Amino acid sequence: MEDDRPSTHTGSIRAIAALGDDLRRRLYEYARDERRPVSRDEAASAVGISRKLAAFHLDKLVDVGLLRFRFLQPAEARVGRPPKVYAPADAEFAVSIPARRPDLLADILAHAVLDDGDRTSARAAAVRVAHQRGVDATTAVKRPRGGRIGAERALRLAEELLVDYGFEPYRARAGCIRLRNCPFHPLARELPELVCRLNHAFLAGALDGLGADTVEAVLSPVAGECCVELLPTR
């Protein structure tokens, strides 16, 4: 079993905070330096601690996405239960406060340039890709089973999702979510028409991915905030 988690703003903060612990940082550095999966016994010996303590900290590093693990196959292991081995995860982590997501914007624009199957304009392609990335962002969200999602439940689901993407959602009033932060700033300041359209498409895609047809993303620029708000569908 391998465990690679996508990096979100909240996840990046947790991962980097974990390295503030000297012992965990040394275990992580050892796993990276070895360039091969390492066992609990090897990690414990390398940093001079017990196997039990090493196992605890290695699993914590897995929990925050810095390491991944697997069990050795029978052919690789000695007799008995196959041991766990650990290696650095493929995820990358970066933190900026407030959150910025140039990686997401770059992904949208790069795929828009490559996606010319229907010969639409680059701008239309970018909007389409942004919408799909919004849908994709909801794959890990737990949704209620069956039936239509009410507006308030939809707003709560969207709020939880957008926290991880650095939008800093808040309730401006009953039934309205505004976003204190634009993850695409400062490019949004330089190219507001394009970036705000992509932002709107991403958020609309997220609502579609949640199955939240009781809520809509509406362009409503406010100085110092994201240009989109979420409201019950009219």
C-alpha atoms as a PDB file:
ATOM      1  CA  MET A   1       0.000   0.000   0.000  1.00  0.00           C
ATOM      2  CA  GLU A   2       1.311   3.441  -0.846  1.00  0.00           C
ATOM      3  CA  ASP A   3       0.036   6.707   0.558  1.00  0.00           C
ATOM      4  CA  ASP A   4       0.445   9.896  -1.466  1.00  0.00           C
ATOM      5  CA  ARG A   5      -1.832  12.790  -0.628  1.00  0.00           C
ATOM      6  CA  PRO A   6      -2.455  15.893  -2.729  1.00  0.00           C
ATOM      7  CA  SER A   7      -0.895  19.013  -1.312  1.00  0.00           C
ATOM      8  CA  THR A   8      -3.372  21.675  -0.205  1.00  0.00           C
ATOM      9  CA  HIS A   9      -2.687  24.918   1.641  1.00  0.00           C
ATOM     10  CA  THR A  10      -3.764  23.404   4.965  1.00  0.00           C
ATOM     11  CA  GLY A  11      -1.869  20.215   4.201  1.00  0.00           C
ATOM     12  CA  SER A  12       1.285  22.167   3.373  1.00  0.00           C
ATOM     13  CA  ILE A  13       1.129  24.010   6.685  1.00  0.00           C
ATOM     14  CA  ARG A  14       0.736  20.706   8.565  1.00  0.00           C
ATOM     15  CA  ALA A  15       3.606  19.105   6.664  1.00  0.00           C
ATOM     16  CA  ILE A  16       6.019  21.966   7.204  1.00  0.00           C
ATOM     17  CA  ALA A  17       4.989  22.313  10.857  1.00  0.00           C
ATOM     18  CA  ALA A  18       5.813  18.625  11.375  1.00  0.00           C
ATOM     19  CA  LEU A  19       9.415  19.342  10.415  1.00  0.00           C
ATOM     20  CA  GLY A  20       9.635  21.821  13.282  1.00  0.00           C
ATOM     21  CA  ASP A  21      10.146  18.776  15.494  1.00  0.00           C
ATOM     22  CA  ASP A  22      13.880  18.026  15.417  1.00  0.00           C
ATOM     23  CA  LEU A  23      13.448  14.252  15.616  1.00  0.00           C
ATOM     24  CA  ARG A  24      10.919  14.118  12.790  1.00  0.00           C
ATOM     25  CA  ARG A  25      13.089  16.360  10.648  1.00  0.00           C
ATOM     26  CA  ARG A  26      16.080  14.039  11.159  1.00  0.00           C
ATOM     27  CA  LEU A  27      13.986  10.981  10.278  1.00  0.00           C
ATOM     28  CA  TYR A  28      12.665  12.704   7.158  1.00  0.00           C
ATOM     29  CA  GLU A  29      16.160  13.797   6.103  1.00  0.00           C
ATOM     30  CA  TYR A  30      17.426  10.246   6.625  1.00  0.00           C
ATOM     31  CA  ALA A  31      14.636   8.819   4.456  1.00  0.00           C
ATOM     32  CA  ARG A  32      15.426  11.346   1.705  1.00  0.00           C
ATOM     33  CA  ASP A  33      19.178  10.828   1.869  1.00  0.00           C
ATOM     34  CA  GLU A  34      18.934   7.029   1.584  1.00  0.00           C
ATOM     35  CA  ARG A  35      17.163   7.198  -1.805  1.00  0.00           C
ATOM     36  CA  ARG A  36      15.513   3.830  -1.110  1.00  0.00           C
ATOM     37  CA  PRO A  37      12.735   2.629   1.197  1.00  0.00           C
ATOM     38  CA  VAL A  38      13.947   2.382   4.801  1.00  0.00           C
ATOM     39  CA  SER A  39      12.641   0.207   7.616  1.00  0.00           C
ATOM     40  CA  ARG A  40      11.713   1.278  11.122  1.00  0.00           C
ATOM     41  CA  ASP A  41      14.793  -0.491  12.491  1.00  0.00           C
ATOM     42  CA  GLU A  42      17.091   1.334  10.075  1.00  0.00           C
ATOM     43  CA  ALA A  43      15.534   4.718  10.818  1.00  0.00           C
ATOM     44  CA  ALA A  44      15.704   4.125  14.565  1.00  0.00           C
ATOM     45  CA  SER A  45      19.375   3.177  14.372  1.00  0.00           C
ATOM     46  CA  ALA A  46      20.210   6.158  12.150  1.00  0.00           C
ATOM     47  CA  VAL A  47      18.893   8.755  14.606  1.00  0.00           C
ATOM     48  CA  GLY A  48      19.610   6.860  17.834  1.00  0.00           C
ATOM     49  CA  ILE A  49      16.114   6.146  19.162  1.00  0.00           C
ATOM     50  CA  SER A  50      13.988   3.084  19.879  1.00  0.00           C
ATOM     51  CA  ARG A  51      12.171   1.269  17.098  1.00  0.00           C
ATOM     52  CA  LYS A  52       8.821   1.996  18.755  1.00  0.00           C
ATOM     53  CA  LEU A  53       9.493   5.741  18.881  1.00  0.00           C
ATOM     54  CA  ALA A  54      10.761   5.730  15.295  1.00  0.00           C
ATOM     55  CA  ALA A  55       7.587   3.954  14.160  1.00  0.00           C
ATOM     56  CA  PHE A  56       5.436   6.580  15.873  1.00  0.00           C
ATOM     57  CA  HIS A  57       7.212   9.504  14.216  1.00  0.00           C
ATOM     58  CA  LEU A  58       7.490   7.839  10.800  1.00  0.00           C
ATOM     59  CA  ASP A  59       3.744   7.229  10.771  1.00  0.00           C
ATOM     60  CA  LYS A  60       3.161  10.867  11.723  1.00  0.00           C
ATOM     61  CA  LEU A  61       5.246  11.897   8.719  1.00  0.00           C
ATOM     62  CA  VAL A  62       3.026   9.656   6.574  1.00  0.00           C
ATOM     63  CA  ASP A  63      -0.082  11.278   8.065  1.00  0.00           C
ATOM     64  CA  VAL A  64       1.013  14.757   6.941  1.00  0.00           C
ATOM     65  CA  GLY A  65       2.042  13.534   3.484  1.00  0.00           C
ATOM     66  CA  LEU A  66       5.831  13.844   3.757  1.00  0.00           C
ATOM     67  CA  LEU A  67       6.471  10.090   3.591  1.00  0.00           C
ATOM     68  CA  ARG A  68       4.693   7.165   1.957  1.00  0.00           C
ATOM     69  CA  PHE A  69       4.871   3.556   3.052  1.00  0.00           C
ATOM     70  CA  ARG A  70       4.462   0.020   1.773  1.00  0.00           C
ATOM     71  CA  PHE A  71       4.948  -3.474   3.143  1.00  0.00           C
ATOM     72  CA  LEU A  72       7.853  -5.501   1.811  1.00  0.00           C
ATOM     73  CA  GLN A  73       6.766  -8.338  -0.440  1.00  0.00           C
ATOM     74  CA  PRO A  74       7.354 -11.895   0.870  1.00  0.00           C
ATOM     75  CA  ALA A  75      10.297 -12.350  -1.487  1.00  0.00           C
ATOM     76  CA  GLU A  76      11.953  -9.226  -0.047  1.00  0.00           C
ATOM     77  CA  ALA A  77      11.323  -9.939   3.632  1.00  0.00           C
ATOM     78  CA  ARG A  78      12.494 -12.461   6.176  1.00  0.00           C
ATOM     79  CA  VAL A  79      10.137 -15.056   7.670  1.00  0.00           C
ATOM     80  CA  GLY A  80       7.249 -13.487   9.581  1.00  0.00           C
ATOM     81  CA  ARG A  81       5.118 -10.428   9.121  1.00  0.00           C
ATOM     82  CA  PRO A  82       6.355  -8.235   6.232  1.00  0.00           C
ATOM     83  CA  PRO A  83       7.868  -5.030   7.667  1.00  0.00           C
ATOM     84  CA  LYS A  84       6.764  -1.529   6.772  1.00  0.00           C
ATOM     85  CA  VAL A  85       9.222   0.553   4.781  1.00  0.00           C
ATOM     86  CA  TYR A  86       9.118   4.292   4.189  1.00  0.00           C
ATOM     87  CA  ALA A  87      10.195   6.622   1.387  1.00  0.00           C
ATOM     88  CA  PRO A  88       9.692  10.322   0.616  1.00  0.00           C
ATOM     89  CA  ALA A  89       6.307  11.119  -0.921  1.00  0.00           C
ATOM     90  CA  ASP A  90       6.104  12.703  -4.352  1.00  0.00           C
ATOM     91  CA  ALA A  91       4.043  15.665  -3.129  1.00  0.00           C
ATOM     92  CA  GLU A  92       5.563  19.147  -2.997  1.00  0.00           C
ATOM     93  CA  PHE A  93       4.809  21.593  -0.207  1.00  0.00           C
ATOM     94  CA  ALA A  94       4.951  25.367  -0.128  1.00  0.00           C
ATOM     95  CA  VAL A  95       3.315  27.889   2.158  1.00  0.00           C
ATOM     96  CA  SER A  96       2.497  31.521   1.570  1.00  0.00           C
ATOM     97  CA  ILE A  97       0.327  33.640   3.830  1.00  0.00           C
ATOM     98  CA  PRO A  98      -2.161  34.531   2.522  1.00  0.00           C
ATOM     99  CA  ALA A  99      -2.340  31.467   0.306  1.00  0.00           C
ATOM    100  CA  ARG A 100      -1.316  31.683  -3.346  1.00  0.00           C
ATOM    101  CA  ARG A 101      -1.929  28.960  -5.948  1.00  0.00           C
ATOM    102  CA  PRO A 102       0.209  29.750  -9.017  1.00  0.00           C
ATOM    103  CA  ASP A 103       0.451  25.991  -9.576  1.00  0.00           C
ATOM    104  CA  LEU A 104      -3.293  25.684 -10.120  1.00  0.00           C
ATOM    105  CA  LEU A 105      -3.412  28.682 -12.443  1.00  0.00           C
ATOM    106  CA  ALA A 106      -0.404  27.411 -14.402  1.00  0.00           C
ATOM    107  CA  ASP A 107      -2.061  23.992 -14.738  1.00  0.00           C
ATOM    108  CA  ILE A 108      -5.252  25.562 -16.089  1.00  0.00           C
ATOM    109  CA  LEU A 109      -3.440  27.734 -18.625  1.00  0.00           C
ATOM    110  CA  ALA A 110      -1.026  25.007 -19.752  1.00  0.00           C
ATOM    111  CA  HIS A 111      -3.829  22.542 -20.421  1.00  0.00           C
ATOM    112  CA  ALA A 112      -5.848  25.226 -22.182  1.00  0.00           C
ATOM    113  CA  VAL A 113      -2.965  25.809 -24.602  1.00  0.00           C
ATOM    114  CA  LEU A 114      -2.696  22.072 -25.304  1.00  0.00           C
ATOM    115  CA  ASP A 115      -6.437  21.460 -25.512  1.00  0.00           C
ATOM    116  CA  ASP A 116      -7.392  22.686 -28.966  1.00  0.00           C
ATOM    117  CA  GLY A 117      -9.510  19.700 -29.961  1.00  0.00           C
ATOM    118  CA  ASP A 118     -12.541  21.807 -30.841  1.00  0.00           C
ATOM    119  CA  ARG A 119     -10.496  24.760 -32.114  1.00  0.00           C
ATOM    120  CA  THR A 120     -12.008  27.184 -29.629  1.00  0.00           C
ATOM    121  CA  SER A 121     -10.147  30.279 -28.518  1.00  0.00           C
ATOM    122  CA  ALA A 122      -7.469  29.957 -25.852  1.00  0.00           C
ATOM    123  CA  ARG A 123      -9.636  31.944 -23.440  1.00  0.00           C
ATOM    124  CA  ALA A 124     -12.636  29.641 -23.891  1.00  0.00           C
ATOM    125  CA  ALA A 125     -10.387  26.619 -23.477  1.00  0.00           C
ATOM    126  CA  ALA A 126      -8.943  28.081 -20.261  1.00  0.00           C
ATOM    127  CA  VAL A 127     -12.425  28.647 -18.845  1.00  0.00           C
ATOM    128  CA  ARG A 128     -13.383  25.066 -19.702  1.00  0.00           C
ATOM    129  CA  VAL A 129     -10.248  23.660 -18.051  1.00  0.00           C
ATOM    130  CA  ALA A 130     -10.764  25.842 -14.965  1.00  0.00           C
ATOM    131  CA  HIS A 131     -14.297  24.473 -14.611  1.00  0.00           C
ATOM    132  CA  GLN A 132     -13.015  20.899 -14.871  1.00  0.00           C
ATOM    133  CA  ARG A 133     -10.315  21.556 -12.265  1.00  0.00           C
ATOM    134  CA  GLY A 134     -13.059  22.769  -9.949  1.00  0.00           C
ATOM    135  CA  VAL A 135     -14.959  19.525 -10.503  1.00  0.00           C
ATOM    136  CA  ASP A 136     -11.762  17.530  -9.920  1.00  0.00           C
ATOM    137  CA  ALA A 137     -11.133  19.353  -6.631  1.00  0.00           C
ATOM    138  CA  THR A 138     -14.228  17.762  -5.091  1.00  0.00           C
ATOM    139  CA  THR A 139     -13.274  14.116  -5.603  1.00  0.00           C
ATOM    140  CA  ALA A 140     -12.230  13.620  -1.965  1.00  0.00           C
ATOM    141  CA  VAL A 141     -15.194  15.486  -0.449  1.00  0.00           C
ATOM    142  CA  LYS A 142     -17.699  13.315   1.403  1.00  0.00           C
ATOM    143  CA  ARG A 143     -21.174  14.106   0.142  1.00  0.00           C
ATOM    144  CA  PRO A 144     -24.515  13.096   1.602  1.00  0.00           C
ATOM    145  CA  ARG A 145     -26.071  10.088  -0.105  1.00  0.00           C
ATOM    146  CA  GLY A 146     -29.195  10.393  -2.179  1.00  0.00           C
ATOM    147  CA  GLY A 147     -31.491  13.295  -2.762  1.00  0.00           C
ATOM    148  CA  ARG A 148     -30.830  16.907  -3.562  1.00  0.00           C
ATOM    149  CA  ILE A 149     -28.378  18.854  -1.392  1.00  0.00           C
ATOM    150  CA  GLY A 150     -30.046  21.822   0.269  1.00  0.00           C
ATOM    151  CA  ALA A 151     -28.515  25.279  -0.048  1.00  0.00           C
ATOM    152  CA  GLU A 152     -27.163  25.448   3.510  1.00  0.00           C
ATOM    153  CA  ARG A 153     -25.569  21.998   3.299  1.00  0.00           C
ATOM    154  CA  ALA A 154     -24.088  22.909  -0.083  1.00  0.00           C
ATOM    155  CA  LEU A 155     -22.626  26.113   1.342  1.00  0.00           C
ATOM    156  CA  ARG A 156     -21.025  24.188   4.218  1.00  0.00           C
ATOM    157  CA  LEU A 157     -19.472  21.638   1.845  1.00  0.00           C
ATOM    158  CA  ALA A 158     -18.141  24.413  -0.380  1.00  0.00           C
ATOM    159  CA  GLU A 159     -16.791  26.284   2.630  1.00  0.00           C
ATOM    160  CA  GLU A 160     -14.834  23.240   3.829  1.00  0.00           C
ATOM    161  CA  LEU A 161     -13.378  22.664   0.366  1.00  0.00           C
ATOM    162  CA  LEU A 162     -12.382  26.284  -0.226  1.00  0.00           C
ATOM    163  CA  VAL A 163     -10.525  26.532   3.088  1.00  0.00           C
ATOM    164  CA  ASP A 164      -8.041  23.972   1.752  1.00  0.00           C
ATOM    165  CA  TYR A 165      -7.569  25.954  -1.456  1.00  0.00           C
ATOM    166  CA  GLY A 166      -6.698  29.115   0.458  1.00  0.00           C
ATOM    167  CA  PHE A 167      -9.799  31.157  -0.386  1.00  0.00           C
ATOM    168  CA  GLU A 168     -10.488  32.014   3.293  1.00  0.00           C
ATOM    169  CA  PRO A 169     -14.294  31.737   3.026  1.00  0.00           C
ATOM    170  CA  TYR A 170     -16.539  33.530   5.499  1.00  0.00           C
ATOM    171  CA  ARG A 171     -20.248  34.178   5.920  1.00  0.00           C
ATOM    172  CA  ALA A 172     -20.842  37.750   4.811  1.00  0.00           C
ATOM    173  CA  ARG A 173     -24.522  37.362   5.650  1.00  0.00           C
ATOM    174  CA  ALA A 174     -27.082  34.593   5.956  1.00  0.00           C
ATOM    175  CA  GLY A 175     -26.879  32.336   2.903  1.00  0.00           C
ATOM    176  CA  CYS A 176     -23.829  34.084   1.413  1.00  0.00           C
ATOM    177  CA  ILE A 177     -20.194  33.011   1.373  1.00  0.00           C
ATOM    178  CA  ARG A 178     -17.561  35.525   0.395  1.00  0.00           C
ATOM    179  CA  LEU A 179     -13.857  34.813  -0.008  1.00  0.00           C
ATOM    180  CA  ARG A 180     -11.330  37.005   1.782  1.00  0.00           C
ATOM    181  CA  ASN A 181      -8.401  35.797  -0.282  1.00  0.00           C
ATOM    182  CA  CYS A 182      -7.752  35.306  -3.989  1.00  0.00           C
ATOM    183  CA  PRO A 183      -5.202  32.490  -4.439  1.00  0.00           C
ATOM    184  CA  PHE A 184      -4.393  33.880  -7.903  1.00  0.00           C
ATOM    185  CA  HIS A 185      -3.339  37.312  -6.654  1.00  0.00           C
ATOM    186  CA  PRO A 186      -1.258  39.308  -7.753  1.00  0.00           C
ATOM    187  CA  LEU A 187      -1.925  38.090 -11.322  1.00  0.00           C
ATOM    188  CA  ALA A 188      -5.608  38.813 -10.744  1.00  0.00           C
ATOM    189  CA  ARG A 189      -4.693  42.442 -10.142  1.00  0.00           C
ATOM    190  CA  GLU A 190      -2.785  42.641 -13.424  1.00  0.00           C
ATOM    191  CA  LEU A 191      -5.267  40.668 -15.577  1.00  0.00           C
ATOM    192  CA  PRO A 192      -8.564  40.875 -13.704  1.00  0.00           C
ATOM    193  CA  GLU A 193     -10.879  40.086 -16.607  1.00  0.00           C
ATOM    194  CA  LEU A 194      -9.138  36.820 -17.474  1.00  0.00           C
ATOM    195  CA  VAL A 195      -8.201  35.639 -13.984  1.00  0.00           C
ATOM    196  CA  CYS A 196     -11.582  36.460 -12.439  1.00  0.00           C
ATOM    197  CA  ARG A 197     -13.319  34.508 -15.211  1.00  0.00           C
ATOM    198  CA  LEU A 198     -11.072  31.521 -14.507  1.00  0.00           C
ATOM    199  CA  ASN A 199     -11.681  31.878 -10.779  1.00  0.00           C
ATOM    200  CA  HIS A 200     -15.435  31.974 -11.354  1.00  0.00           C
ATOM    201  CA  ALA A 201     -15.246  28.914 -13.625  1.00  0.00           C
ATOM    202  CA  PHE A 202     -13.206  26.997 -11.027  1.00  0.00           C
ATOM    203  CA  LEU A 203     -15.708  27.765  -8.266  1.00  0.00           C
ATOM    204  CA  ALA A 204     -18.677  26.952 -10.499  1.00  0.00           C
ATOM    205  CA  GLY A 205     -16.994  23.646 -11.345  1.00  0.00           C
ATOM    206  CA  ALA A 206     -16.496  22.912  -7.645  1.00  0.00           C
ATOM    207  CA  LEU A 207     -20.212  23.437  -7.027  1.00  0.00           C
ATOM    208  CA  ASP A 208     -21.033  21.153  -9.959  1.00  0.00           C
ATOM    209  CA  GLY A 209     -18.651  18.544  -8.584  1.00  0.00           C
ATOM    210  CA  LEU A 210     -20.399  18.704  -5.219  1.00  0.00           C
ATOM    211  CA  GLY A 211     -23.760  18.272  -6.922  1.00  0.00           C
ATOM    212  CA  ALA A 212     -24.776  21.571  -5.346  1.00  0.00           C
ATOM    213  CA  ASP A 213     -27.285  22.930  -7.835  1.00  0.00           C
ATOM    214  CA  THR A 214     -28.960  24.847  -5.007  1.00  0.00           C
ATOM    215  CA  VAL A 215     -25.977  27.230  -4.842  1.00  0.00           C
ATOM    216  CA  GLU A 216     -24.297  29.285  -7.564  1.00  0.00           C
ATOM    217  CA  ALA A 217     -21.032  31.195  -7.971  1.00  0.00           C
ATOM    218  CA  VAL A 218     -21.681  34.849  -8.786  1.00  0.00           C
ATOM    219  CA  LEU A 219     -19.171  37.459  -9.936  1.00  0.00           C
ATOM    220  CA  SER A 220     -19.361  40.251  -7.362  1.00  0.00           C
ATOM    221  CA  PRO A 221     -16.036  42.123  -7.084  1.00  0.00           C
ATOM    222  CA  VAL A 222     -15.204  43.750  -3.745  1.00  0.00           C
ATOM    223  CA  ALA A 223     -11.943  45.599  -3.098  1.00  0.00           C
ATOM    224  CA  GLY A 224      -9.415  43.458  -1.251  1.00  0.00           C
ATOM    225  CA  GLU A 225     -11.336  40.180  -1.678  1.00  0.00           C
ATOM    226  CA  CYS A 226     -11.963  37.461  -4.235  1.00  0.00           C
ATOM    227  CA  CYS A 227     -14.294  38.537  -7.032  1.00  0.00           C
ATOM    228  CA  VAL A 228     -16.775  35.680  -6.524  1.00  0.00           C
ATOM    229  CA  GLU A 229     -19.412  34.968  -3.897  1.00  0.00           C
ATOM    230  CA  LEU A 230     -21.547  31.878  -3.367  1.00  0.00           C
ATOM    231  CA  LEU A 231     -25.299  32.330  -3.045  1.00  0.00           C
ATOM    232  CA  PRO A 232     -28.431  30.179  -3.101  1.00  0.00           C
ATOM    233  CA  THR A 233     -29.580  29.699  -6.687  1.00  0.00           C
ATOM    234  CA  ARG A 234     -32.180  32.248  -7.679  1.00  0.00           C
END
